[in-house]
N, C-alpha and C. Protein backbone atom coordinates (compact mmCIF):
# COMPACT_ATOMS: atom_id res chain seq x y z
N MET A 1 0.88 -1.17 0.28
CA MET A 1 0.36 -0.14 0.23
C MET A 1 0.80 1.28 -0.06
N ARG A 2 1.68 0.99 1.16
CA ARG A 2 3.22 2.41 0.81
C ARG A 2 3.67 2.44 -0.53
N LEU A 3 4.20 1.65 -1.31
CA LEU A 3 4.49 1.26 -2.47
C LEU A 3 3.74 2.12 -3.27
N ILE A 4 2.36 1.70 -3.07
CA ILE A 4 1.32 2.22 -4.60
C ILE A 4 1.46 3.84 -4.11
N SER A 5 1.04 3.85 -3.17
CA SER A 5 1.04 5.61 -3.05
C SER A 5 2.41 6.48 -3.10
N LYS A 6 3.62 5.76 -2.98
CA LYS A 6 4.89 6.44 -3.86
C LYS A 6 4.79 6.41 -4.85
N GLU A 7 4.73 5.68 -6.06
CA GLU A 7 4.08 5.48 -7.06
C GLU A 7 3.12 6.34 -7.62
N LEU A 8 2.32 6.30 -7.08
CA LEU A 8 0.82 7.24 -7.40
C LEU A 8 1.61 8.78 -7.72
N LEU A 9 2.30 8.81 -6.41
CA LEU A 9 2.85 10.42 -6.10
C LEU A 9 3.93 10.58 -7.32
N LYS A 10 4.66 9.86 -7.73
CA LYS A 10 5.40 10.21 -8.80
C LYS A 10 4.94 10.65 -10.10
N VAL A 11 3.59 9.62 -10.35
CA VAL A 11 3.16 10.08 -11.72
C VAL A 11 2.36 11.37 -11.49
N ARG A 12 1.80 11.41 -10.29
CA ARG A 12 0.86 12.68 -10.40
C ARG A 12 2.56 14.07 -10.78
N TRP A 13 3.05 13.78 -9.91
CA TRP A 13 4.76 15.04 -10.45
C TRP A 13 5.03 15.06 -11.70
N LEU A 14 5.21 13.87 -12.41
CA LEU A 14 5.19 13.87 -14.06
C LEU A 14 4.55 14.49 -14.78
N ALA A 15 3.39 13.86 -14.41
CA ALA A 15 1.70 14.99 -15.22
C ALA A 15 1.99 16.29 -15.05
N LEU A 16 2.34 16.40 -13.92
CA LEU A 16 2.61 17.96 -13.54
C LEU A 16 3.46 18.97 -14.08
N MET A 17 4.95 18.10 -14.18
CA MET A 17 6.16 18.42 -15.35
C MET A 17 5.59 18.54 -16.80
N ALA A 18 4.77 17.75 -17.16
CA ALA A 18 4.25 17.91 -18.45
C ALA A 18 3.23 19.13 -19.01
N ALA A 19 2.53 19.30 -17.73
CA ALA A 19 1.31 20.23 -17.64
C ALA A 19 2.08 21.81 -17.79
N LEU A 20 3.62 22.27 -17.16
CA LEU A 20 4.41 22.79 -17.31
C LEU A 20 5.06 23.22 -18.33
N VAL A 21 5.58 22.30 -18.94
CA VAL A 21 6.77 21.94 -20.22
C VAL A 21 6.13 22.32 -21.19
N LEU A 22 4.63 21.65 -21.81
CA LEU A 22 4.02 21.55 -23.09
C LEU A 22 3.71 22.93 -23.57
N PRO A 23 3.04 23.81 -22.69
CA PRO A 23 2.73 25.22 -23.20
C PRO A 23 4.05 25.80 -24.03
N SER A 24 5.15 25.47 -23.61
CA SER A 24 6.44 26.47 -24.11
C SER A 24 6.69 25.51 -25.45
N PHE A 25 6.28 24.47 -25.52
CA PHE A 25 7.02 23.88 -26.66
C PHE A 25 5.95 24.00 -28.01
N ALA A 26 4.70 24.21 -27.35
CA ALA A 26 3.50 24.24 -28.40
C ALA A 26 3.39 25.94 -28.99
N GLN A 27 4.10 26.46 -28.87
CA GLN A 27 4.66 27.73 -29.48
C GLN A 27 5.56 27.87 -30.71
N SER A 28 4.95 28.52 -31.65
CA SER A 28 5.49 28.36 -32.85
C SER A 28 6.83 29.49 -32.86
N GLN A 29 7.20 29.93 -32.33
CA GLN A 29 8.17 31.24 -31.66
C GLN A 29 9.65 31.34 -32.39
N GLU A 30 10.21 32.33 -32.56
CA GLU A 30 11.47 32.63 -32.46
C GLU A 30 12.26 32.79 -31.42
N SER A 31 13.62 32.50 -31.03
CA SER A 31 14.17 32.70 -30.11
C SER A 31 15.46 32.96 -29.83
N ASP A 32 16.07 33.43 -28.77
CA ASP A 32 17.16 33.95 -28.73
C ASP A 32 17.86 33.96 -27.06
N LEU A 33 18.98 34.01 -27.28
CA LEU A 33 19.47 33.47 -25.73
C LEU A 33 19.78 34.77 -24.82
N GLY A 34 19.71 35.14 -23.90
CA GLY A 34 20.01 36.03 -23.18
C GLY A 34 20.38 35.61 -21.60
N ASN A 35 21.20 35.91 -20.67
CA ASN A 35 21.50 35.78 -19.39
C ASN A 35 20.65 37.15 -18.14
N TRP A 36 20.11 36.42 -17.24
CA TRP A 36 19.99 37.20 -16.40
C TRP A 36 20.59 37.07 -14.91
N MET A 37 21.72 37.68 -14.40
CA MET A 37 21.93 37.65 -13.14
C MET A 37 21.15 38.24 -11.90
N ILE A 38 20.69 37.50 -10.72
CA ILE A 38 19.48 37.96 -10.01
C ILE A 38 20.18 37.20 -8.31
N TYR A 39 19.99 38.63 -7.85
CA TYR A 39 20.57 38.39 -6.48
C TYR A 39 18.78 38.53 -5.63
N ILE A 40 18.24 37.82 -4.59
CA ILE A 40 17.33 38.15 -3.82
C ILE A 40 17.56 37.63 -2.41
N GLY A 41 16.97 38.92 -1.43
CA GLY A 41 17.61 38.98 -0.11
C GLY A 41 16.41 39.25 0.50
N SER A 42 16.55 38.84 2.04
CA SER A 42 15.23 38.85 2.95
C SER A 42 15.87 38.98 4.22
N LYS A 43 15.78 39.93 4.98
CA LYS A 43 16.51 40.54 6.17
C LYS A 43 15.10 40.72 7.31
N GLN A 44 15.17 39.28 8.15
CA GLN A 44 14.43 39.58 9.21
C GLN A 44 14.21 40.29 10.24
N ILE A 45 13.39 41.27 10.08
CA ILE A 45 13.39 42.24 11.39
C ILE A 45 12.97 41.65 12.54
N ASN A 46 12.18 40.79 12.76
CA ASN A 46 11.76 40.32 13.79
C ASN A 46 11.16 38.67 13.48
N GLN A 47 10.14 38.18 14.64
CA GLN A 47 10.10 36.94 13.81
C GLN A 47 8.69 37.06 13.10
N LYS A 48 7.86 38.45 13.05
CA LYS A 48 6.87 38.67 12.12
C LYS A 48 7.34 39.00 10.82
N TRP A 49 8.16 40.16 11.22
CA TRP A 49 8.16 41.33 10.04
C TRP A 49 9.62 41.01 8.90
N ASN A 50 9.77 41.70 7.79
CA ASN A 50 10.58 41.15 7.24
C ASN A 50 10.80 41.72 6.20
N LEU A 51 12.24 42.39 5.41
CA LEU A 51 12.66 43.31 4.49
C LEU A 51 13.29 42.86 3.36
N HIS A 52 12.25 42.64 2.33
CA HIS A 52 12.60 42.29 1.02
C HIS A 52 13.29 42.99 -0.02
N HIS A 53 14.75 42.65 -0.33
CA HIS A 53 15.44 43.46 -1.20
C HIS A 53 16.00 42.47 -2.47
N GLU A 54 15.93 42.97 -3.63
CA GLU A 54 16.18 42.32 -4.93
C GLU A 54 17.17 43.36 -6.25
N VAL A 55 18.12 42.56 -6.69
CA VAL A 55 18.47 42.93 -7.63
C VAL A 55 18.93 42.16 -8.77
N GLN A 56 18.20 42.36 -10.32
CA GLN A 56 18.48 41.63 -11.46
C GLN A 56 19.14 42.46 -12.34
N TYR A 57 19.90 41.91 -12.91
CA TYR A 57 20.78 42.94 -14.26
C TYR A 57 20.59 41.58 -15.36
N ARG A 58 19.90 41.73 -16.51
CA ARG A 58 19.01 40.99 -17.22
C ARG A 58 19.88 41.32 -18.53
N ASN A 59 20.58 40.76 -19.29
CA ASN A 59 21.72 41.23 -20.55
C ASN A 59 21.20 40.52 -21.74
N TYR A 60 21.27 41.04 -23.09
CA TYR A 60 20.55 40.18 -24.26
C TYR A 60 21.67 39.40 -24.54
N ASN A 61 22.51 39.17 -23.75
CA ASN A 61 23.51 38.42 -24.55
C ASN A 61 24.05 37.66 -22.86
N PHE A 62 25.13 36.77 -23.32
CA PHE A 62 25.49 36.59 -21.62
C PHE A 62 25.72 37.52 -20.74
N ALA A 63 26.47 38.79 -20.94
CA ALA A 63 27.28 39.95 -20.11
C ALA A 63 27.27 41.30 -21.07
N GLY A 64 26.56 42.15 -20.70
CA GLY A 64 27.44 43.59 -20.87
C GLY A 64 26.56 44.42 -21.81
N ASP A 65 25.23 43.72 -22.55
CA ASP A 65 24.54 44.03 -23.28
C ASP A 65 23.19 44.40 -22.58
N LEU A 66 23.00 45.27 -21.89
CA LEU A 66 21.74 45.33 -20.79
C LEU A 66 20.27 45.64 -21.26
N GLU A 67 19.34 44.66 -21.02
CA GLU A 67 18.61 44.48 -21.23
C GLU A 67 17.29 45.27 -20.16
N GLN A 68 17.54 45.03 -19.14
CA GLN A 68 16.80 45.62 -17.92
C GLN A 68 17.65 45.68 -16.71
N LEU A 69 17.12 46.64 -15.75
CA LEU A 69 18.03 46.61 -14.60
C LEU A 69 16.73 46.77 -13.81
N LEU A 70 16.62 45.98 -12.87
CA LEU A 70 15.52 45.61 -11.75
C LEU A 70 16.02 45.71 -10.43
N LEU A 71 15.47 46.78 -9.48
CA LEU A 71 15.72 47.23 -8.36
C LEU A 71 14.16 47.11 -7.72
N ARG A 72 14.40 46.09 -6.74
CA ARG A 72 12.69 45.78 -5.68
C ARG A 72 13.25 45.64 -4.51
N THR A 73 12.04 46.59 -3.78
CA THR A 73 12.17 46.07 -2.27
C THR A 73 10.70 46.42 -1.64
N GLY A 74 10.88 45.75 -0.26
CA GLY A 74 9.07 45.47 0.32
C GLY A 74 9.36 45.06 1.56
N LEU A 75 7.93 45.47 2.12
CA LEU A 75 7.79 45.18 3.92
C LEU A 75 7.39 44.23 3.94
N GLY A 76 7.51 43.10 4.72
CA GLY A 76 6.91 42.03 4.48
C GLY A 76 6.34 41.41 5.93
N TYR A 77 4.95 40.78 5.81
CA TYR A 77 4.72 40.24 7.47
C TYR A 77 4.30 38.63 7.33
N THR A 78 4.86 37.86 8.33
CA THR A 78 4.82 36.49 8.14
C THR A 78 3.80 36.26 9.07
N PHE A 79 2.98 34.78 8.94
CA PHE A 79 2.18 34.50 9.77
C PHE A 79 1.96 33.14 9.43
N ASN A 80 0.51 32.58 10.17
CA ASN A 80 0.21 30.97 10.28
C ASN A 80 1.55 30.25 9.99
N GLU A 81 2.48 30.65 11.39
CA GLU A 81 3.69 29.39 11.52
C GLU A 81 4.79 29.56 10.26
N GLY A 82 4.56 30.86 10.47
CA GLY A 82 6.13 30.93 8.70
C GLY A 82 5.14 30.35 7.24
N LYS A 83 4.49 29.95 7.48
CA LYS A 83 3.66 29.47 6.05
C LYS A 83 3.50 30.41 5.52
N HIS A 84 2.96 31.37 5.82
CA HIS A 84 2.32 32.45 4.97
C HIS A 84 2.93 34.02 5.07
N ASN A 85 2.97 34.82 4.23
CA ASN A 85 3.60 36.25 4.11
C ASN A 85 3.01 37.33 3.04
N ALA A 86 2.62 38.41 3.92
CA ALA A 86 2.22 39.26 2.60
C ALA A 86 3.19 40.77 2.61
N LEU A 87 3.28 41.12 1.55
CA LEU A 87 4.22 42.11 1.31
C LEU A 87 3.63 42.91 0.59
N LEU A 88 4.11 44.60 0.98
CA LEU A 88 3.55 45.67 0.21
C LEU A 88 5.04 46.20 -0.16
N GLY A 89 5.32 46.39 -1.35
CA GLY A 89 6.50 46.53 -2.16
C GLY A 89 6.78 47.52 -3.47
N TYR A 90 7.52 48.02 -3.86
CA TYR A 90 7.85 49.08 -4.70
C TYR A 90 9.30 48.44 -5.44
N GLY A 91 8.92 48.92 -7.09
CA GLY A 91 10.42 48.36 -7.94
C GLY A 91 10.49 49.60 -9.02
N TYR A 92 11.92 49.75 -9.17
CA TYR A 92 12.31 50.76 -10.26
C TYR A 92 13.12 49.63 -11.29
N ILE A 93 12.44 50.29 -12.53
CA ILE A 93 12.97 49.31 -13.81
C ILE A 93 13.63 49.63 -14.52
N LEU A 94 14.33 49.87 -15.15
CA LEU A 94 15.02 50.68 -16.45
C LEU A 94 14.84 49.80 -17.22
N SER A 95 14.92 49.71 -18.58
CA SER A 95 14.34 48.91 -19.49
C SER A 95 15.06 49.81 -20.47
N GLU A 96 16.29 48.86 -21.67
CA GLU A 96 16.99 49.45 -22.64
C GLU A 96 16.14 48.94 -24.10
N ASN A 97 15.56 49.22 -24.62
CA ASN A 97 14.86 48.40 -25.65
C ASN A 97 15.51 49.10 -27.37
N TYR A 98 15.96 47.79 -27.82
CA TYR A 98 16.41 48.56 -29.42
C TYR A 98 15.90 49.03 -30.10
N THR A 99 16.03 49.76 -30.68
CA THR A 99 15.26 50.43 -31.94
C THR A 99 15.64 50.33 -33.17
N GLY A 100 14.35 49.36 -33.76
CA GLY A 100 14.92 49.03 -35.25
C GLY A 100 15.76 48.07 -35.35
N ASN A 101 16.44 48.01 -36.55
CA ASN A 101 17.25 46.63 -36.66
C ASN A 101 18.80 47.40 -36.07
N GLY A 102 18.78 48.33 -35.66
CA GLY A 102 20.72 48.87 -35.47
C GLY A 102 20.95 48.84 -34.25
N ASP A 103 22.08 50.05 -33.73
CA ASP A 103 22.09 48.82 -32.31
C ASP A 103 21.89 50.40 -31.42
N GLU A 104 20.94 51.00 -31.75
CA GLU A 104 20.85 52.47 -30.89
C GLU A 104 19.67 51.44 -29.98
N LYS A 105 19.39 52.39 -28.92
CA LYS A 105 18.57 51.73 -27.55
C LYS A 105 17.68 53.05 -27.42
N ASP A 106 16.67 52.57 -26.58
CA ASP A 106 16.03 53.47 -25.93
C ASP A 106 15.28 53.16 -24.53
N ALA A 107 16.32 54.00 -23.79
CA ALA A 107 15.88 53.73 -22.41
C ALA A 107 14.04 54.14 -21.82
N VAL A 108 13.53 53.37 -20.67
CA VAL A 108 12.59 53.40 -20.71
C VAL A 108 12.27 53.24 -19.27
N HIS A 109 11.62 54.08 -18.35
CA HIS A 109 11.69 54.22 -16.76
C HIS A 109 10.82 53.71 -16.86
N GLU A 110 10.26 52.97 -15.68
CA GLU A 110 9.26 52.23 -15.08
C GLU A 110 9.14 52.05 -13.07
N ASN A 111 8.74 52.76 -12.47
CA ASN A 111 7.96 52.88 -10.97
C ASN A 111 6.60 51.92 -11.04
N ARG A 112 7.34 50.82 -9.93
CA ARG A 112 6.17 49.85 -9.77
C ARG A 112 5.75 49.58 -8.14
N ILE A 113 4.71 49.60 -7.87
CA ILE A 113 3.99 49.56 -6.42
C ILE A 113 3.31 48.03 -6.73
N PHE A 114 3.58 47.16 -6.24
CA PHE A 114 3.06 46.05 -5.72
C PHE A 114 2.55 45.48 -4.70
N GLN A 115 1.80 44.94 -4.64
CA GLN A 115 1.36 43.48 -3.48
C GLN A 115 1.19 42.49 -3.54
N GLN A 116 1.59 41.37 -2.81
CA GLN A 116 2.03 40.21 -2.81
C GLN A 116 1.44 39.27 -2.17
N PHE A 117 1.47 37.93 -1.92
CA PHE A 117 0.86 36.76 -1.20
C PHE A 117 1.81 35.90 -1.23
N THR A 118 2.40 35.16 -0.32
CA THR A 118 2.84 33.81 -0.56
C THR A 118 3.04 32.65 0.20
N ALA A 119 2.67 31.39 -0.17
CA ALA A 119 2.18 30.38 0.75
C ALA A 119 2.63 29.15 0.22
N LYS A 120 3.90 28.71 1.58
CA LYS A 120 4.53 27.59 1.14
C LYS A 120 3.31 26.15 1.77
N ASP A 121 4.34 25.47 1.11
CA ASP A 121 3.31 24.28 0.77
C ASP A 121 4.56 22.85 1.05
N LYS A 122 4.21 22.03 1.57
CA LYS A 122 5.31 20.33 1.39
C LYS A 122 4.42 18.97 1.33
N ILE A 123 4.87 18.58 0.12
CA ILE A 123 4.86 16.85 0.19
C ILE A 123 5.69 16.02 0.31
N GLY A 124 5.89 15.52 1.05
CA GLY A 124 6.97 14.47 1.51
C GLY A 124 7.85 15.62 1.94
N SER A 125 9.11 15.71 1.04
CA SER A 125 10.26 16.27 1.27
C SER A 125 10.58 17.52 -0.11
N VAL A 126 9.37 17.40 -0.92
CA VAL A 126 9.01 18.30 -2.03
C VAL A 126 8.39 19.79 -1.40
N LYS A 127 9.48 20.88 -1.41
CA LYS A 127 8.71 22.03 -1.53
C LYS A 127 7.81 22.54 -2.53
N LEU A 128 6.62 23.30 -2.32
CA LEU A 128 6.20 24.25 -3.29
C LEU A 128 5.80 25.58 -2.29
N LEU A 129 5.92 26.07 -3.74
CA LEU A 129 5.76 27.70 -3.49
C LEU A 129 4.97 28.75 -4.41
N HIS A 130 3.57 28.65 -3.33
CA HIS A 130 2.24 30.19 -4.76
C HIS A 130 2.74 30.61 -4.14
N ARG A 131 2.69 32.10 -5.27
CA ARG A 131 2.86 33.51 -5.00
C ARG A 131 1.65 33.91 -5.88
N TYR A 132 0.97 34.93 -5.30
CA TYR A 132 0.16 35.94 -6.05
C TYR A 132 0.93 37.57 -5.87
N ARG A 133 1.26 37.82 -7.07
CA ARG A 133 1.40 39.21 -7.34
C ARG A 133 0.46 40.20 -7.90
N PHE A 134 -0.19 41.36 -7.52
CA PHE A 134 -0.79 42.72 -8.28
C PHE A 134 0.16 43.51 -8.33
N GLU A 135 0.39 44.24 -9.53
CA GLU A 135 0.85 45.21 -9.80
C GLU A 135 0.40 46.50 -10.23
N GLN A 136 1.06 48.11 -9.88
CA GLN A 136 0.66 48.88 -10.56
C GLN A 136 1.48 49.35 -11.29
N ARG A 137 2.03 49.88 -12.56
CA ARG A 137 2.97 50.24 -12.71
C ARG A 137 2.83 51.33 -13.95
N PHE A 138 3.85 52.30 -13.50
CA PHE A 138 4.27 54.00 -13.95
C PHE A 138 5.08 53.51 -14.91
N VAL A 139 5.02 53.35 -16.15
CA VAL A 139 5.96 53.23 -17.47
C VAL A 139 5.93 54.73 -17.92
N GLU A 140 6.82 55.40 -17.95
CA GLU A 140 6.76 56.63 -18.30
C GLU A 140 5.51 57.55 -17.88
N ARG A 141 4.67 57.73 -18.95
CA ARG A 141 3.78 58.67 -18.71
C ARG A 141 2.20 58.07 -18.96
N ASP A 142 2.51 56.09 -19.19
CA ASP A 142 1.66 55.42 -19.07
C ASP A 142 1.24 54.53 -17.47
N PHE A 143 0.06 54.37 -17.54
CA PHE A 143 -0.33 53.56 -16.17
C PHE A 143 -0.99 52.39 -16.64
N LYS A 144 -0.35 50.96 -16.00
CA LYS A 144 -0.91 49.73 -16.14
C LYS A 144 -0.87 48.93 -15.04
N MET A 145 -1.89 47.96 -15.35
CA MET A 145 -1.50 47.06 -13.90
C MET A 145 -1.81 45.80 -14.54
N ARG A 146 -1.56 44.90 -13.45
CA ARG A 146 -1.05 42.92 -14.00
C ARG A 146 -1.03 42.39 -12.77
N PHE A 147 -1.43 40.98 -12.66
CA PHE A 147 -1.59 40.34 -12.22
C PHE A 147 -0.54 39.24 -12.49
N ARG A 148 -0.25 38.35 -11.59
CA ARG A 148 1.07 37.48 -11.75
C ARG A 148 0.58 36.08 -10.43
N TYR A 149 0.94 34.84 -11.25
CA TYR A 149 0.75 33.88 -10.27
C TYR A 149 1.77 32.67 -10.91
N PHE A 150 2.44 32.78 -9.75
CA PHE A 150 4.13 31.69 -9.65
C PHE A 150 4.06 30.75 -8.70
N LEU A 151 4.22 29.59 -9.30
CA LEU A 151 4.19 28.14 -8.84
C LEU A 151 5.51 27.56 -8.54
N ALA A 152 6.62 27.75 -7.80
CA ALA A 152 7.55 26.79 -7.91
C ALA A 152 7.74 25.47 -7.25
N ILE A 153 8.40 24.72 -7.53
CA ILE A 153 8.79 23.27 -7.10
C ILE A 153 10.36 23.54 -6.52
N ASN A 154 10.92 22.59 -5.40
CA ASN A 154 11.84 21.96 -4.89
C ASN A 154 11.49 20.99 -4.58
N ILE A 155 12.94 20.15 -5.61
CA ILE A 155 12.75 18.58 -5.16
C ILE A 155 14.24 18.16 -4.58
N PRO A 156 14.19 17.90 -3.48
CA PRO A 156 15.51 17.65 -2.98
C PRO A 156 16.10 16.41 -3.44
N LEU A 157 17.65 16.71 -3.91
CA LEU A 157 18.75 15.37 -4.52
C LEU A 157 19.63 15.00 -3.68
N PHE A 158 19.41 13.49 -3.48
CA PHE A 158 20.70 12.69 -2.66
C PHE A 158 20.42 12.82 -1.03
N SER A 159 20.11 13.95 -0.66
CA SER A 159 19.71 14.02 1.08
C SER A 159 18.21 14.45 1.30
N ARG A 160 17.69 13.93 1.97
CA ARG A 160 16.23 14.54 2.55
C ARG A 160 16.13 15.14 3.42
N ASP A 161 17.11 14.82 4.34
CA ASP A 161 16.79 15.45 6.14
C ASP A 161 17.87 17.17 5.81
N ALA A 162 19.27 16.70 5.39
CA ALA A 162 20.38 17.97 5.74
C ALA A 162 19.60 18.98 5.09
N ILE A 163 20.07 20.16 4.87
CA ILE A 163 19.85 21.26 4.41
C ILE A 163 21.12 21.44 4.05
N ASP A 164 22.09 21.84 5.25
CA ASP A 164 23.03 22.68 4.31
C ASP A 164 24.26 21.19 3.48
N HIS A 165 25.04 22.23 2.28
CA HIS A 165 25.69 21.28 1.43
C HIS A 165 24.81 20.21 0.72
N THR A 166 23.55 20.89 0.19
CA THR A 166 22.41 19.44 -0.51
C THR A 166 22.13 20.35 -1.80
N PHE A 167 22.21 20.10 -2.73
CA PHE A 167 21.47 19.56 -4.14
C PHE A 167 19.71 19.59 -4.28
N TYR A 168 19.39 20.34 -5.49
CA TYR A 168 17.61 20.35 -5.14
C TYR A 168 17.89 20.55 -6.76
N LEU A 169 16.42 20.12 -6.83
CA LEU A 169 16.07 20.69 -8.58
C LEU A 169 15.09 21.84 -8.50
N SER A 170 14.75 22.60 -9.24
CA SER A 170 13.91 24.08 -9.01
C SER A 170 13.39 24.29 -10.22
N VAL A 171 11.82 24.02 -10.31
CA VAL A 171 10.90 24.24 -11.83
C VAL A 171 9.85 25.14 -10.87
N TYR A 172 10.01 26.26 -12.33
CA TYR A 172 8.71 27.09 -12.08
C TYR A 172 8.00 27.79 -13.18
N ASN A 173 6.68 27.99 -12.87
CA ASN A 173 5.65 28.67 -14.16
C ASN A 173 5.76 29.82 -13.56
N GLU A 174 5.21 30.66 -14.03
CA GLU A 174 4.73 32.32 -13.42
C GLU A 174 4.42 32.65 -14.95
N ILE A 175 2.89 32.87 -14.97
CA ILE A 175 2.01 33.63 -16.12
C ILE A 175 1.85 34.86 -15.56
N PHE A 176 1.47 36.34 -16.81
CA PHE A 176 1.44 37.45 -16.05
C PHE A 176 -0.11 38.31 -17.32
N LEU A 177 -0.97 37.99 -16.35
CA LEU A 177 -1.86 38.62 -17.09
C LEU A 177 -2.39 40.54 -16.63
N ASN A 178 -2.42 41.01 -18.57
CA ASN A 178 -2.94 42.54 -18.11
C ASN A 178 -4.72 42.36 -17.22
N THR A 179 -4.81 43.81 -16.67
CA THR A 179 -5.87 44.37 -16.26
C THR A 179 -6.97 44.72 -17.68
N ALA A 180 -5.83 45.38 -18.64
CA ALA A 180 -7.07 45.05 -19.77
C ALA A 180 -6.32 44.50 -21.35
N ALA A 181 -7.00 44.79 -22.17
CA ALA A 181 -6.45 43.91 -23.90
C ALA A 181 -5.18 44.22 -23.89
N PRO A 182 -4.02 43.97 -24.33
CA PRO A 182 -4.45 42.14 -24.35
C PRO A 182 -4.02 41.58 -23.04
N VAL A 183 -5.42 40.28 -22.62
CA VAL A 183 -5.30 40.03 -21.20
C VAL A 183 -3.99 39.00 -20.96
N PHE A 184 -3.07 38.40 -22.25
CA PHE A 184 -2.26 37.65 -21.85
C PHE A 184 -1.07 38.63 -21.83
N ASP A 185 -0.16 38.36 -20.60
CA ASP A 185 1.11 39.44 -21.55
C ASP A 185 2.26 38.70 -21.57
N ARG A 186 2.42 37.19 -20.32
CA ARG A 186 3.88 36.52 -20.54
C ARG A 186 3.61 35.47 -20.23
N ASN A 187 3.96 34.85 -20.06
CA ASN A 187 4.30 33.39 -19.46
C ASN A 187 6.24 32.90 -19.05
N ARG A 188 6.28 32.37 -18.46
CA ARG A 188 7.79 32.06 -17.84
C ARG A 188 8.10 30.89 -17.42
N LEU A 189 8.88 29.78 -17.95
CA LEU A 189 8.90 28.43 -17.33
C LEU A 189 10.59 28.12 -17.37
N TYR A 190 10.42 27.83 -16.24
CA TYR A 190 12.01 27.53 -15.75
C TYR A 190 12.21 26.46 -15.23
N GLY A 191 13.54 25.79 -15.12
CA GLY A 191 14.13 24.39 -14.66
C GLY A 191 15.79 24.66 -14.32
N GLY A 192 16.23 24.31 -13.64
CA GLY A 192 17.53 24.69 -12.84
C GLY A 192 18.01 24.03 -11.68
N LEU A 193 19.29 23.51 -11.51
CA LEU A 193 19.94 22.69 -10.21
C LEU A 193 20.00 24.01 -9.35
N GLY A 194 19.69 23.60 -8.43
CA GLY A 194 20.26 24.78 -7.03
C GLY A 194 20.86 24.24 -5.92
N TYR A 195 21.55 24.77 -5.09
CA TYR A 195 22.59 24.02 -4.14
C TYR A 195 22.76 24.86 -2.40
N HIS A 196 22.32 24.16 -1.96
CA HIS A 196 21.97 24.64 -0.73
C HIS A 196 23.54 25.20 0.42
N LEU A 197 23.87 26.48 0.36
CA LEU A 197 25.66 26.32 0.86
C LEU A 197 25.06 26.04 1.99
N ASN A 198 24.12 26.24 3.24
CA ASN A 198 23.54 26.80 4.29
C ASN A 198 22.25 26.78 4.63
N GLN A 199 21.89 26.94 5.96
CA GLN A 199 20.17 27.36 5.90
C GLN A 199 20.10 28.55 4.89
N ASN A 200 20.75 29.52 5.26
CA ASN A 200 20.11 31.40 4.76
C ASN A 200 20.97 31.46 3.44
N ILE A 201 21.74 30.40 3.11
CA ILE A 201 22.53 30.69 1.43
C ILE A 201 22.39 29.85 0.31
N ARG A 202 21.73 29.97 -0.77
CA ARG A 202 21.62 29.05 -1.90
C ARG A 202 21.83 29.41 -3.15
N PHE A 203 22.21 28.58 -4.19
CA PHE A 203 22.43 29.49 -5.09
C PHE A 203 21.89 28.08 -6.43
N GLU A 204 21.30 29.20 -7.65
CA GLU A 204 20.39 28.26 -8.57
C GLU A 204 21.62 28.69 -10.27
N PHE A 205 21.20 27.72 -10.68
CA PHE A 205 21.85 28.00 -12.02
C PHE A 205 20.91 27.21 -13.03
N GLY A 206 19.96 27.72 -14.35
CA GLY A 206 18.92 27.44 -14.52
C GLY A 206 18.79 27.68 -15.85
N TYR A 207 17.62 27.48 -16.96
CA TYR A 207 17.25 27.84 -17.95
C TYR A 207 15.79 28.39 -18.17
N MET A 208 15.52 29.38 -18.79
CA MET A 208 14.14 30.00 -18.78
C MET A 208 14.10 30.14 -19.90
N ASN A 209 12.24 29.88 -20.36
CA ASN A 209 11.90 30.43 -21.44
C ASN A 209 10.39 31.30 -21.37
N GLN A 210 10.58 32.67 -22.01
CA GLN A 210 9.93 33.32 -21.51
C GLN A 210 9.04 33.57 -23.00
N PHE A 211 7.88 33.55 -22.59
CA PHE A 211 6.95 33.60 -24.20
C PHE A 211 5.85 34.77 -23.99
N PHE A 212 5.77 35.39 -25.31
CA PHE A 212 4.79 36.15 -25.42
C PHE A 212 3.62 35.50 -26.61
N GLU A 213 2.34 36.77 -26.89
CA GLU A 213 1.96 36.15 -27.66
C GLU A 213 2.43 35.67 -28.84
N ASN A 214 3.49 36.36 -29.73
CA ASN A 214 4.20 36.27 -30.55
C ASN A 214 5.86 35.83 -31.01
N SER A 215 5.91 36.21 -29.70
CA SER A 215 7.56 35.68 -29.85
C SER A 215 8.20 35.15 -28.41
N SER A 216 9.31 35.05 -28.18
CA SER A 216 9.78 34.40 -27.11
C SER A 216 11.32 34.82 -26.44
N ARG A 217 11.52 34.42 -25.78
CA ARG A 217 13.35 34.86 -25.51
C ARG A 217 13.51 33.49 -24.32
N ASP A 218 14.87 33.19 -24.63
CA ASP A 218 15.59 32.08 -24.04
C ASP A 218 16.15 33.05 -22.98
N GLN A 219 16.43 32.61 -21.49
CA GLN A 219 17.40 32.78 -20.99
C GLN A 219 17.90 32.22 -20.06
N LEU A 220 19.56 32.24 -19.41
CA LEU A 220 20.44 31.86 -18.83
C LEU A 220 19.74 32.74 -17.61
N ASN A 221 19.83 31.79 -16.25
CA ASN A 221 20.00 32.35 -14.75
C ASN A 221 20.43 31.89 -13.95
N MET A 222 21.47 32.88 -13.36
CA MET A 222 22.36 32.84 -12.55
C MET A 222 21.50 33.35 -10.92
N VAL A 223 21.37 32.85 -9.99
CA VAL A 223 20.09 32.84 -8.91
C VAL A 223 21.21 32.82 -7.79
N ALA A 224 21.47 33.84 -6.57
CA ALA A 224 21.10 33.59 -5.30
C ALA A 224 20.65 34.70 -4.27
N LEU A 225 20.33 33.63 -3.48
CA LEU A 225 19.24 33.68 -2.21
C LEU A 225 19.24 33.94 -1.15
N VAL A 226 19.51 34.96 -0.15
CA VAL A 226 20.35 34.81 0.72
C VAL A 226 18.73 35.78 1.98
N ASN A 227 18.85 34.81 3.11
CA ASN A 227 17.88 35.40 4.23
C ASN A 227 19.14 35.64 5.50
N PHE A 228 19.24 37.05 5.93
CA PHE A 228 19.57 36.97 7.17
C PHE A 228 18.95 37.96 8.02
């Protein structure tokens, strides 16, 4: 009986992975490779409150051709024995968009206010994270709003008990929906390998496909996550 339940759980995870991966292969889109270098940190003020801070340096190529610089911060409140967190945040985004076929770029500045709710869950040793985020975006003279849903799955490798010096698989999917037409904004699908240096620091290296209605981008992701 116990063996059957384990096999059933494996089948469910494979079905979930397929559901996440198949939409990206269903798109007939052109694609090119870039690289995102990401730092995500959280400072515990006390047992309930935390300060979020984040820097993302996104490149059209591996490094040196800036696509976007993203700075984000926020104040969060944790409850329900650490499983849930509500956060109010602010972000500044500098985008450098190519104009036409030449090497000239157009700089676009965005100020963003966002509210988010995260919920942690666990099935055996597999960790799940749900994140719901609502954004109010001030892009130059335009005002836009967007909803995002993020589902992340972390699967430990080799060791199922210890956290220090352990590897894990990281998979996530995030969909972006506008409040005005066109409703579909983009979808991000990611898979990578993570490493827990200790309980507070982990690193990830992975591949992400970001697809829009008529195009897509491929990115390598180099991520550092720090809690202190």
